[in-house]
Amino acid sequence: MMHKLTAVVLSGMLAAALLAGCQADSSMNKATPSPSPAASVMPSASPMPSALPSAMPSASPSAAPANGYTATGLQRVLDGCLAYESGSAGTSLKAAIAANDLVRYLAQYAPGNTEPLRTDTKDWYDKLDEDKKALLKENWSGICATARQITDDPDEAKGVLESAGVSTDFSGVDLDAAAVGLDTVDGVLSADKAAS
């Protein structure tokens, strides 16, 4: 009799648990409507792609810029050449800061990117308004001269760089690559200065 009573009680508890589970499942179905059959069926003409498309179209390996070079990075560095007015207080120090940034950028990204460097420098210059072009014309000779001093002999440039608060250690910097990149950038900007 005790065995039978235990079995009945356990059966009742199991039935109550199943009923509670069914009710919870039912309330979840009401709270979250399932999509309509039409929405969940994909047409066979356009199958799901196996991979999501990338945000940027991939370029052919030969057209891809080397070493992570970007036009945006170059533009940021060139914008530093417009951050002050020639003839204002501290001009040589500001030119040293801009030259340091330019040399460091070119040392890292100029190798293998001569054409993108030329094209992107020209695009950057062409987008400047007349006031900024005039400002660049005033600033560029000081920046370029300091940059060349850094690429030729960083120890000789050390005094002006330290006065400007620049503490770059050029011992591991590819100054030959920076010099070649500087020739490219200067070729574009000096040609445009001469034409204007």
N, C-alpha and C. Protein backbone atom coordinates (compact mmCIF):
# COMPACT_ATOMS: atom_id res chain seq x y z
N MET A 1 0.82 -1.19 0.00
CA MET A 1 0.00 0.00 0.00
C MET A 1 0.87 1.25 0.00
N MET A 2 1.92 1.25 0.81
CA MET A 2 2.83 2.38 0.89
C MET A 2 3.54 2.59 -0.45
N HIS A 3 3.89 1.48 -1.07
CA HIS A 3 4.55 1.54 -2.37
C HIS A 3 3.62 2.15 -3.40
N LYS A 4 2.37 1.77 -3.37
CA LYS A 4 1.39 2.27 -4.31
C LYS A 4 1.15 3.75 -4.10
N LEU A 5 1.10 4.19 -2.84
CA LEU A 5 0.87 5.59 -2.51
C LEU A 5 2.06 6.44 -2.98
N THR A 6 3.26 5.94 -2.78
CA THR A 6 4.46 6.65 -3.24
C THR A 6 4.46 6.78 -4.75
N ALA A 7 4.07 5.72 -5.44
CA ALA A 7 4.03 5.75 -6.90
C ALA A 7 3.00 6.76 -7.38
N VAL A 8 1.85 6.85 -6.71
CA VAL A 8 0.81 7.80 -7.11
C VAL A 8 1.29 9.23 -6.88
N VAL A 9 1.93 9.46 -5.74
CA VAL A 9 2.43 10.80 -5.43
C VAL A 9 3.50 11.22 -6.45
N LEU A 10 4.41 10.31 -6.75
CA LEU A 10 5.45 10.61 -7.72
C LEU A 10 4.86 10.84 -9.11
N SER A 11 3.86 10.07 -9.47
CA SER A 11 3.21 10.27 -10.77
C SER A 11 2.55 11.63 -10.84
N GLY A 12 1.93 12.02 -9.73
CA GLY A 12 1.27 13.34 -9.67
C GLY A 12 2.28 14.47 -9.79
N MET A 13 3.43 14.31 -9.13
CA MET A 13 4.47 15.34 -9.19
C MET A 13 5.05 15.45 -10.61
N LEU A 14 5.23 14.30 -11.23
CA LEU A 14 5.75 14.29 -12.60
C LEU A 14 4.76 14.95 -13.55
N ALA A 15 3.48 14.66 -13.41
CA ALA A 15 2.47 15.27 -14.26
C ALA A 15 2.42 16.78 -14.05
N ALA A 16 2.56 17.22 -12.79
CA ALA A 16 2.54 18.66 -12.49
C ALA A 16 3.76 19.35 -13.13
N ALA A 17 4.90 18.69 -13.06
CA ALA A 17 6.11 19.26 -13.66
C ALA A 17 5.97 19.36 -15.18
N LEU A 18 5.43 18.33 -15.80
CA LEU A 18 5.23 18.36 -17.25
C LEU A 18 4.24 19.45 -17.65
N LEU A 19 3.17 19.58 -16.88
CA LEU A 19 2.17 20.59 -17.15
C LEU A 19 2.77 22.00 -17.01
N ALA A 20 3.60 22.21 -15.99
CA ALA A 20 4.25 23.51 -15.79
C ALA A 20 5.20 23.81 -16.96
N GLY A 21 5.91 22.80 -17.41
CA GLY A 21 6.81 22.98 -18.55
C GLY A 21 6.06 23.34 -19.81
N CYS A 22 4.94 22.68 -20.03
CA CYS A 22 4.13 22.97 -21.22
C CYS A 22 3.57 24.38 -21.18
N GLN A 23 3.14 24.82 -19.99
CA GLN A 23 2.60 26.17 -19.86
C GLN A 23 3.69 27.22 -20.09
N ALA A 24 4.89 26.97 -19.57
CA ALA A 24 6.00 27.92 -19.76
C ALA A 24 6.36 28.00 -21.24
N ASP A 25 6.38 26.86 -21.92
CA ASP A 25 6.70 26.84 -23.34
C ASP A 25 5.62 27.58 -24.12
N SER A 26 4.39 27.40 -23.73
CA SER A 26 3.27 28.06 -24.41
C SER A 26 3.35 29.57 -24.22
N SER A 27 3.70 30.03 -23.00
CA SER A 27 3.78 31.48 -22.78
C SER A 27 4.97 32.08 -23.52
N MET A 28 6.03 31.33 -23.68
CA MET A 28 7.18 31.83 -24.44
C MET A 28 6.82 31.98 -25.91
N ASN A 29 6.05 31.06 -26.43
CA ASN A 29 5.64 31.14 -27.83
C ASN A 29 4.76 32.35 -28.07
N LYS A 30 3.93 32.70 -27.06
CA LYS A 30 3.08 33.88 -27.21
C LYS A 30 3.91 35.15 -27.13
N ALA A 31 4.93 35.17 -26.28
CA ALA A 31 5.75 36.38 -26.10
C ALA A 31 6.64 36.63 -27.30
N THR A 32 7.13 35.59 -27.94
CA THR A 32 8.01 35.76 -29.09
C THR A 32 7.36 35.12 -30.30
N PRO A 33 6.71 35.91 -31.11
CA PRO A 33 6.04 35.32 -32.28
C PRO A 33 7.08 34.75 -33.25
N SER A 34 6.75 33.63 -33.81
CA SER A 34 7.66 33.02 -34.78
C SER A 34 7.44 33.70 -36.13
N PRO A 35 8.47 33.72 -36.93
CA PRO A 35 8.32 34.36 -38.24
C PRO A 35 7.31 33.61 -39.09
N SER A 36 6.71 34.36 -39.98
CA SER A 36 5.73 33.73 -40.86
C SER A 36 6.44 32.75 -41.77
N PRO A 37 5.74 31.72 -42.22
CA PRO A 37 6.37 30.74 -43.10
C PRO A 37 6.99 31.39 -44.33
N ALA A 38 6.37 32.45 -44.85
CA ALA A 38 6.91 33.10 -46.05
C ALA A 38 8.25 33.77 -45.74
N ALA A 39 8.40 34.30 -44.51
CA ALA A 39 9.64 34.99 -44.16
C ALA A 39 10.77 34.02 -43.89
N SER A 40 10.45 32.82 -43.45
CA SER A 40 11.51 31.89 -43.09
C SER A 40 11.98 31.03 -44.26
N VAL A 41 11.26 31.08 -45.37
CA VAL A 41 11.65 30.28 -46.53
C VAL A 41 12.46 31.17 -47.48
N MET A 42 13.66 30.72 -47.80
CA MET A 42 14.49 31.49 -48.72
C MET A 42 14.24 30.99 -50.13
N PRO A 43 14.14 31.89 -51.07
CA PRO A 43 13.94 31.44 -52.45
C PRO A 43 15.18 30.70 -52.93
N SER A 44 14.96 29.70 -53.74
CA SER A 44 16.08 28.88 -54.21
C SER A 44 16.94 29.62 -55.22
N ALA A 45 16.44 30.70 -55.81
CA ALA A 45 17.20 31.43 -56.82
C ALA A 45 18.37 32.20 -56.21
N SER A 46 18.26 32.61 -54.91
CA SER A 46 19.35 33.37 -54.30
C SER A 46 19.77 32.68 -53.00
N PRO A 47 20.68 31.72 -53.09
CA PRO A 47 21.10 30.99 -51.89
C PRO A 47 21.90 31.90 -50.96
N MET A 48 21.94 31.51 -49.69
CA MET A 48 22.68 32.26 -48.68
C MET A 48 24.15 32.21 -49.02
N PRO A 49 24.85 33.38 -49.02
CA PRO A 49 26.28 33.36 -49.32
C PRO A 49 27.05 32.61 -48.26
N SER A 50 28.13 31.96 -48.65
CA SER A 50 28.91 31.18 -47.69
C SER A 50 29.74 32.08 -46.79
N ALA A 51 30.04 33.29 -47.23
CA ALA A 51 30.79 34.23 -46.40
C ALA A 51 30.22 35.62 -46.62
N LEU A 52 30.27 36.44 -45.57
CA LEU A 52 29.77 37.79 -45.69
C LEU A 52 30.73 38.60 -46.55
N PRO A 53 30.22 39.51 -47.36
CA PRO A 53 31.12 40.32 -48.18
C PRO A 53 31.92 41.26 -47.27
N SER A 54 33.16 41.53 -47.64
CA SER A 54 33.97 42.43 -46.83
C SER A 54 33.53 43.86 -47.09
N ALA A 55 33.84 44.74 -46.14
CA ALA A 55 33.44 46.14 -46.26
C ALA A 55 34.19 46.82 -47.40
N MET A 56 35.40 46.39 -47.64
CA MET A 56 36.20 47.00 -48.70
C MET A 56 36.43 45.97 -49.80
N PRO A 57 36.28 46.34 -51.04
CA PRO A 57 36.58 45.39 -52.10
C PRO A 57 38.06 45.05 -52.08
N SER A 58 38.38 43.79 -52.29
CA SER A 58 39.79 43.42 -52.24
C SER A 58 40.45 43.80 -53.55
N ALA A 59 41.63 44.37 -53.41
CA ALA A 59 42.39 44.77 -54.60
C ALA A 59 43.29 43.62 -55.00
N SER A 60 43.72 43.64 -56.22
CA SER A 60 44.65 42.60 -56.64
C SER A 60 45.96 42.81 -55.89
N PRO A 61 46.69 41.73 -55.59
CA PRO A 61 47.91 41.87 -54.81
C PRO A 61 48.90 42.88 -55.37
N SER A 62 48.98 43.01 -56.69
CA SER A 62 49.94 43.95 -57.27
C SER A 62 49.52 45.40 -57.06
N ALA A 63 48.20 45.65 -56.89
CA ALA A 63 47.72 47.01 -56.72
C ALA A 63 47.63 47.42 -55.26
N ALA A 64 47.74 46.47 -54.34
CA ALA A 64 47.60 46.78 -52.92
C ALA A 64 48.83 47.52 -52.42
N PRO A 65 48.63 48.63 -51.67
CA PRO A 65 49.77 49.35 -51.13
C PRO A 65 50.55 48.48 -50.16
N ALA A 66 51.86 48.66 -50.14
CA ALA A 66 52.72 47.86 -49.27
C ALA A 66 52.78 48.44 -47.87
N ASN A 67 53.08 47.60 -46.91
CA ASN A 67 53.38 47.99 -45.53
C ASN A 67 52.26 48.71 -44.78
N GLY A 68 51.04 48.58 -45.20
CA GLY A 68 49.95 49.23 -44.49
C GLY A 68 49.79 50.71 -44.80
N TYR A 69 50.43 51.19 -45.85
CA TYR A 69 50.32 52.58 -46.25
C TYR A 69 48.86 52.93 -46.57
N THR A 70 48.42 54.12 -46.13
CA THR A 70 47.09 54.61 -46.49
C THR A 70 47.17 56.09 -46.86
N ALA A 71 46.29 56.51 -47.73
CA ALA A 71 46.21 57.92 -48.11
C ALA A 71 45.82 58.76 -46.89
N THR A 72 44.97 58.22 -46.03
CA THR A 72 44.53 58.95 -44.83
C THR A 72 45.70 59.21 -43.90
N GLY A 73 46.57 58.23 -43.73
CA GLY A 73 47.75 58.42 -42.89
C GLY A 73 48.65 59.51 -43.44
N LEU A 74 48.87 59.50 -44.74
CA LEU A 74 49.69 60.53 -45.36
C LEU A 74 49.04 61.90 -45.19
N GLN A 75 47.74 61.98 -45.38
CA GLN A 75 47.04 63.26 -45.25
C GLN A 75 47.19 63.83 -43.85
N ARG A 76 47.12 62.97 -42.84
CA ARG A 76 47.28 63.45 -41.45
C ARG A 76 48.66 64.07 -41.26
N VAL A 77 49.67 63.40 -41.80
CA VAL A 77 51.04 63.92 -41.66
C VAL A 77 51.18 65.24 -42.42
N LEU A 78 50.65 65.30 -43.64
CA LEU A 78 50.74 66.53 -44.42
C LEU A 78 49.94 67.66 -43.79
N ASP A 79 48.83 67.34 -43.13
CA ASP A 79 48.05 68.36 -42.43
C ASP A 79 48.90 69.05 -41.35
N GLY A 80 49.87 68.32 -40.79
CA GLY A 80 50.77 68.90 -39.80
C GLY A 80 51.62 70.02 -40.38
N CYS A 81 51.78 70.03 -41.68
CA CYS A 81 52.55 71.10 -42.35
C CYS A 81 51.75 72.39 -42.41
N LEU A 82 50.47 72.33 -42.08
CA LEU A 82 49.60 73.50 -42.11
C LEU A 82 49.18 73.93 -40.71
N ALA A 83 49.81 73.37 -39.68
CA ALA A 83 49.39 73.61 -38.30
C ALA A 83 49.93 74.90 -37.72
N TYR A 84 50.68 75.66 -38.48
CA TYR A 84 51.25 76.92 -37.99
C TYR A 84 51.49 77.85 -39.17
N GLU A 85 51.76 79.12 -38.85
CA GLU A 85 52.07 80.08 -39.91
C GLU A 85 53.55 80.41 -39.87
N SER A 86 54.19 80.36 -41.01
CA SER A 86 55.60 80.72 -41.11
C SER A 86 55.75 82.18 -40.68
N GLY A 87 56.79 82.45 -39.92
CA GLY A 87 57.02 83.81 -39.43
C GLY A 87 56.43 84.05 -38.06
N SER A 88 55.60 83.13 -37.57
CA SER A 88 55.05 83.27 -36.22
C SER A 88 56.08 82.76 -35.22
N ALA A 89 55.84 83.04 -33.94
CA ALA A 89 56.78 82.61 -32.90
C ALA A 89 56.93 81.10 -32.91
N GLY A 90 58.16 80.64 -32.82
CA GLY A 90 58.43 79.21 -32.76
C GLY A 90 58.31 78.48 -34.08
N THR A 91 58.41 79.21 -35.18
CA THR A 91 58.24 78.60 -36.51
C THR A 91 59.20 77.45 -36.73
N SER A 92 60.48 77.64 -36.39
CA SER A 92 61.46 76.58 -36.66
C SER A 92 61.18 75.34 -35.80
N LEU A 93 60.64 75.55 -34.60
CA LEU A 93 60.31 74.42 -33.74
C LEU A 93 59.09 73.66 -34.30
N LYS A 94 58.12 74.40 -34.78
CA LYS A 94 56.94 73.77 -35.36
C LYS A 94 57.30 73.05 -36.67
N ALA A 95 58.21 73.63 -37.43
CA ALA A 95 58.68 72.97 -38.65
C ALA A 95 59.41 71.68 -38.30
N ALA A 96 60.15 71.70 -37.19
CA ALA A 96 60.88 70.50 -36.75
C ALA A 96 59.90 69.38 -36.37
N ILE A 97 58.82 69.75 -35.71
CA ILE A 97 57.81 68.75 -35.33
C ILE A 97 57.18 68.14 -36.58
N ALA A 98 56.79 69.01 -37.53
CA ALA A 98 56.18 68.52 -38.78
C ALA A 98 57.17 67.67 -39.56
N ALA A 99 58.44 68.09 -39.60
CA ALA A 99 59.47 67.33 -40.33
C ALA A 99 59.70 65.97 -39.69
N ASN A 100 59.75 65.93 -38.37
CA ASN A 100 59.92 64.66 -37.65
C ASN A 100 58.79 63.69 -37.99
N ASP A 101 57.56 64.18 -37.93
CA ASP A 101 56.41 63.32 -38.24
C ASP A 101 56.47 62.82 -39.68
N LEU A 102 56.85 63.69 -40.58
CA LEU A 102 56.94 63.33 -42.00
C LEU A 102 58.01 62.27 -42.23
N VAL A 103 59.19 62.47 -41.64
CA VAL A 103 60.29 61.51 -41.81
C VAL A 103 59.91 60.15 -41.23
N ARG A 104 59.33 60.13 -40.04
CA ARG A 104 58.95 58.85 -39.43
C ARG A 104 57.91 58.13 -40.27
N TYR A 105 56.94 58.88 -40.80
CA TYR A 105 55.91 58.27 -41.63
C TYR A 105 56.52 57.70 -42.92
N LEU A 106 57.33 58.50 -43.58
CA LEU A 106 57.91 58.08 -44.85
C LEU A 106 58.87 56.91 -44.67
N ALA A 107 59.62 56.89 -43.58
CA ALA A 107 60.54 55.79 -43.32
C ALA A 107 59.79 54.46 -43.24
N GLN A 108 58.60 54.51 -42.68
CA GLN A 108 57.83 53.28 -42.51
C GLN A 108 57.02 52.92 -43.74
N TYR A 109 56.43 53.91 -44.40
CA TYR A 109 55.44 53.60 -45.44
C TYR A 109 55.85 53.93 -46.88
N ALA A 110 56.94 54.66 -47.08
CA ALA A 110 57.33 55.01 -48.45
C ALA A 110 57.83 53.83 -49.27
N PRO A 111 58.57 52.87 -48.67
CA PRO A 111 59.09 51.77 -49.50
C PRO A 111 57.98 51.02 -50.23
N GLY A 112 58.12 50.93 -51.54
CA GLY A 112 57.14 50.20 -52.35
C GLY A 112 55.89 50.99 -52.67
N ASN A 113 55.82 52.23 -52.25
CA ASN A 113 54.60 53.03 -52.44
C ASN A 113 54.86 54.35 -53.16
N THR A 114 55.83 54.39 -54.05
CA THR A 114 56.18 55.65 -54.70
C THR A 114 54.99 56.24 -55.47
N GLU A 115 54.31 55.44 -56.25
CA GLU A 115 53.18 55.96 -57.04
C GLU A 115 52.01 56.39 -56.16
N PRO A 116 51.56 55.54 -55.19
CA PRO A 116 50.49 56.01 -54.31
C PRO A 116 50.89 57.28 -53.55
N LEU A 117 52.14 57.35 -53.14
CA LEU A 117 52.62 58.52 -52.41
C LEU A 117 52.54 59.78 -53.28
N ARG A 118 52.95 59.66 -54.52
CA ARG A 118 52.88 60.78 -55.46
C ARG A 118 51.42 61.19 -55.71
N THR A 119 50.60 60.21 -56.02
CA THR A 119 49.19 60.48 -56.33
C THR A 119 48.45 61.06 -55.14
N ASP A 120 48.66 60.49 -53.96
CA ASP A 120 47.93 60.94 -52.77
C ASP A 120 48.40 62.31 -52.30
N THR A 121 49.69 62.61 -52.49
CA THR A 121 50.18 63.95 -52.15
C THR A 121 49.54 64.98 -53.07
N LYS A 122 49.46 64.66 -54.36
CA LYS A 122 48.83 65.57 -55.33
C LYS A 122 47.35 65.75 -55.02
N ASP A 123 46.65 64.65 -54.69
CA ASP A 123 45.22 64.75 -54.35
C ASP A 123 45.02 65.63 -53.11
N TRP A 124 45.88 65.43 -52.11
CA TRP A 124 45.79 66.23 -50.88
C TRP A 124 45.98 67.72 -51.21
N TYR A 125 47.01 68.01 -51.98
CA TYR A 125 47.31 69.40 -52.34
C TYR A 125 46.16 70.03 -53.14
N ASP A 126 45.64 69.28 -54.09
CA ASP A 126 44.58 69.81 -54.96
C ASP A 126 43.31 70.15 -54.18
N LYS A 127 43.09 69.49 -53.05
CA LYS A 127 41.88 69.75 -52.25
C LYS A 127 42.04 70.94 -51.32
N LEU A 128 43.25 71.48 -51.19
CA LEU A 128 43.46 72.64 -50.32
C LEU A 128 42.84 73.89 -50.94
N ASP A 129 42.28 74.76 -50.09
CA ASP A 129 41.81 76.04 -50.62
C ASP A 129 43.02 76.95 -50.84
N GLU A 130 42.81 78.10 -51.43
CA GLU A 130 43.93 78.99 -51.80
C GLU A 130 44.70 79.48 -50.59
N ASP A 131 44.03 79.73 -49.47
CA ASP A 131 44.72 80.18 -48.26
C ASP A 131 45.67 79.10 -47.73
N LYS A 132 45.20 77.85 -47.74
CA LYS A 132 46.05 76.76 -47.25
C LYS A 132 47.21 76.48 -48.20
N LYS A 133 46.97 76.65 -49.49
CA LYS A 133 48.07 76.48 -50.46
C LYS A 133 49.14 77.55 -50.22
N ALA A 134 48.70 78.77 -49.93
CA ALA A 134 49.65 79.86 -49.65
C ALA A 134 50.41 79.57 -48.35
N LEU A 135 49.71 79.05 -47.36
CA LEU A 135 50.35 78.71 -46.08
C LEU A 135 51.38 77.60 -46.29
N LEU A 136 51.03 76.60 -47.07
CA LEU A 136 51.97 75.51 -47.35
C LEU A 136 53.20 76.05 -48.08
N LYS A 137 52.98 76.94 -49.00
CA LYS A 137 54.09 77.52 -49.76
C LYS A 137 55.08 78.20 -48.82
N GLU A 138 54.57 78.88 -47.80
CA GLU A 138 55.42 79.53 -46.81
C GLU A 138 56.13 78.53 -45.90
N ASN A 139 55.42 77.47 -45.52
CA ASN A 139 55.95 76.53 -44.53
C ASN A 139 56.85 75.44 -45.11
N TRP A 140 56.61 75.05 -46.36
CA TRP A 140 57.22 73.84 -46.89
C TRP A 140 58.74 73.87 -46.92
N SER A 141 59.34 74.99 -47.30
CA SER A 141 60.80 75.01 -47.41
C SER A 141 61.47 74.71 -46.07
N GLY A 142 60.95 75.26 -44.97
CA GLY A 142 61.51 74.99 -43.64
C GLY A 142 61.31 73.54 -43.21
N ILE A 143 60.13 73.02 -43.49
CA ILE A 143 59.83 71.63 -43.13
C ILE A 143 60.71 70.68 -43.93
N CYS A 144 60.78 70.91 -45.23
CA CYS A 144 61.55 70.03 -46.10
C CYS A 144 63.04 70.09 -45.75
N ALA A 145 63.56 71.30 -45.47
CA ALA A 145 64.98 71.43 -45.11
C ALA A 145 65.28 70.68 -43.81
N THR A 146 64.39 70.78 -42.83
CA THR A 146 64.60 70.08 -41.56
C THR A 146 64.47 68.57 -41.76
N ALA A 147 63.51 68.15 -42.58
CA ALA A 147 63.36 66.72 -42.86
C ALA A 147 64.61 66.18 -43.56
N ARG A 148 65.17 66.94 -44.48
CA ARG A 148 66.39 66.49 -45.16
C ARG A 148 67.57 66.45 -44.18
N GLN A 149 67.61 67.38 -43.26
CA GLN A 149 68.66 67.38 -42.25
C GLN A 149 68.55 66.10 -41.40
N ILE A 150 67.32 65.71 -41.07
CA ILE A 150 67.11 64.48 -40.29
C ILE A 150 67.56 63.27 -41.10
N THR A 151 67.15 63.18 -42.37
CA THR A 151 67.50 61.99 -43.16
C THR A 151 68.99 61.93 -43.46
N ASP A 152 69.63 63.09 -43.60
CA ASP A 152 71.07 63.11 -43.91
C ASP A 152 71.93 62.86 -42.67
N ASP A 153 71.56 63.48 -41.55
CA ASP A 153 72.36 63.36 -40.32
C ASP A 153 71.50 63.69 -39.11
N PRO A 154 70.82 62.69 -38.54
CA PRO A 154 69.92 62.95 -37.42
C PRO A 154 70.62 63.56 -36.21
N ASP A 155 71.92 63.27 -36.05
CA ASP A 155 72.64 63.86 -34.92
C ASP A 155 72.76 65.37 -35.08
N GLU A 156 72.93 65.83 -36.32
CA GLU A 156 73.02 67.26 -36.58
C GLU A 156 71.68 67.95 -36.32
N ALA A 157 70.59 67.24 -36.55
CA ALA A 157 69.25 67.80 -36.34
C ALA A 157 68.79 67.67 -34.89
N LYS A 158 69.55 66.97 -34.08
CA LYS A 158 69.12 66.65 -32.71
C LYS A 158 68.82 67.90 -31.88
N GLY A 159 69.63 68.94 -32.01
CA GLY A 159 69.43 70.15 -31.21
C GLY A 159 68.08 70.80 -31.46
N VAL A 160 67.74 71.01 -32.73
CA VAL A 160 66.47 71.66 -33.04
C VAL A 160 65.29 70.76 -32.68
N LEU A 161 65.47 69.45 -32.85
CA LEU A 161 64.39 68.52 -32.49
C LEU A 161 64.15 68.51 -30.99
N GLU A 162 65.22 68.47 -30.21
CA GLU A 162 65.06 68.49 -28.75
C GLU A 162 64.43 69.79 -28.28
N SER A 163 64.82 70.92 -28.90
CA SER A 163 64.21 72.21 -28.55
C SER A 163 62.71 72.20 -28.82
N ALA A 164 62.30 71.43 -29.83
CA ALA A 164 60.88 71.33 -30.19
C ALA A 164 60.15 70.27 -29.36
N GLY A 165 60.90 69.59 -28.48
CA GLY A 165 60.28 68.56 -27.64
C GLY A 165 60.20 67.21 -28.32
N VAL A 166 60.94 67.03 -29.41
CA VAL A 166 60.94 65.76 -30.15
C VAL A 166 62.09 64.91 -29.64
N SER A 167 61.77 63.69 -29.24
CA SER A 167 62.81 62.81 -28.71
C SER A 167 62.90 61.50 -29.50
N THR A 168 62.65 61.55 -30.78
CA THR A 168 62.69 60.35 -31.61
C THR A 168 64.11 59.79 -31.67
N ASP A 169 64.21 58.49 -31.47
CA ASP A 169 65.49 57.80 -31.64
C ASP A 169 65.52 57.29 -33.08
N PHE A 170 66.35 57.89 -33.91
CA PHE A 170 66.39 57.54 -35.32
C PHE A 170 67.31 56.37 -35.64
N SER A 171 67.88 55.74 -34.60
CA SER A 171 68.83 54.65 -34.86
C SER A 171 68.17 53.47 -35.56
N GLY A 172 66.88 53.20 -35.34
CA GLY A 172 66.21 52.08 -35.99
C GLY A 172 65.31 52.50 -37.13
N VAL A 173 65.40 53.76 -37.53
CA VAL A 173 64.52 54.30 -38.57
C VAL A 173 65.22 54.20 -39.93
N ASP A 174 64.49 53.76 -40.95
CA ASP A 174 65.05 53.63 -42.29
C ASP A 174 65.09 55.01 -42.95
N LEU A 175 66.17 55.74 -42.69
CA LEU A 175 66.29 57.11 -43.18
C LEU A 175 66.49 57.17 -44.69
N ASP A 176 67.06 56.11 -45.28
CA ASP A 176 67.19 56.08 -46.75
C ASP A 176 65.81 56.03 -47.41
N ALA A 177 64.93 55.20 -46.84
CA ALA A 177 63.56 55.12 -47.36
C ALA A 177 62.84 56.44 -47.17
N ALA A 178 63.06 57.08 -46.02
CA ALA A 178 62.44 58.38 -45.76
C ALA A 178 62.93 59.42 -46.77
N ALA A 179 64.21 59.38 -47.10
CA ALA A 179 64.78 60.34 -48.07
C ALA A 179 64.15 60.16 -49.44
N VAL A 180 63.97 58.92 -49.86
CA VAL A 180 63.34 58.64 -51.16
C VAL A 180 61.89 59.12 -51.15
N GLY A 181 61.17 58.83 -50.07
CA GLY A 181 59.78 59.29 -49.94
C GLY A 181 59.71 60.81 -49.92
N LEU A 182 60.65 61.44 -49.24
CA LEU A 182 60.68 62.90 -49.18
C LEU A 182 60.91 63.49 -50.58
N ASP A 183 61.77 62.85 -51.36
CA ASP A 183 61.98 63.31 -52.75
C ASP A 183 60.67 63.28 -53.53
N THR A 184 59.88 62.21 -53.31
CA THR A 184 58.60 62.07 -54.02
C THR A 184 57.63 63.17 -53.60
N VAL A 185 57.46 63.35 -52.29
CA VAL A 185 56.53 64.36 -51.78
C VAL A 185 56.98 65.76 -52.19
N ASP A 186 58.27 66.03 -52.03
CA ASP A 186 58.80 67.34 -52.39
C ASP A 186 58.67 67.60 -53.89
N GLY A 187 58.85 66.56 -54.69
CA GLY A 187 58.67 66.72 -56.14
C GLY A 187 57.28 67.21 -56.49
N VAL A 188 56.27 66.70 -55.79
CA VAL A 188 54.89 67.11 -56.05
C VAL A 188 54.65 68.51 -55.50
N LEU A 189 55.00 68.73 -54.25
CA LEU A 189 54.68 70.02 -53.62
C LEU A 189 55.50 71.17 -54.18
N SER A 190 56.76 70.93 -54.51
CA SER A 190 57.59 71.99 -55.10
C SER A 190 57.14 72.31 -56.52
N ALA A 191 56.73 71.30 -57.28
CA ALA A 191 56.22 71.55 -58.63
C ALA A 191 54.96 72.39 -58.57
N ASP A 192 54.08 72.07 -57.59
CA ASP A 192 52.83 72.82 -57.46
C ASP A 192 53.09 74.25 -56.97
N LYS A 193 54.12 74.40 -56.11
CA LYS A 193 54.47 75.73 -55.62
C LYS A 193 55.00 76.59 -56.78
N ALA A 194 55.81 75.97 -57.61
CA ALA A 194 56.39 76.71 -58.73
C ALA A 194 55.32 77.11 -59.74
N ALA A 195 54.32 76.24 -59.91
CA ALA A 195 53.25 76.51 -60.87
C ALA A 195 52.30 77.59 -60.39
N SER A 196 52.21 77.77 -59.06
CA SER A 196 51.24 78.76 -58.55
C SER A 196 51.83 80.14 -58.43
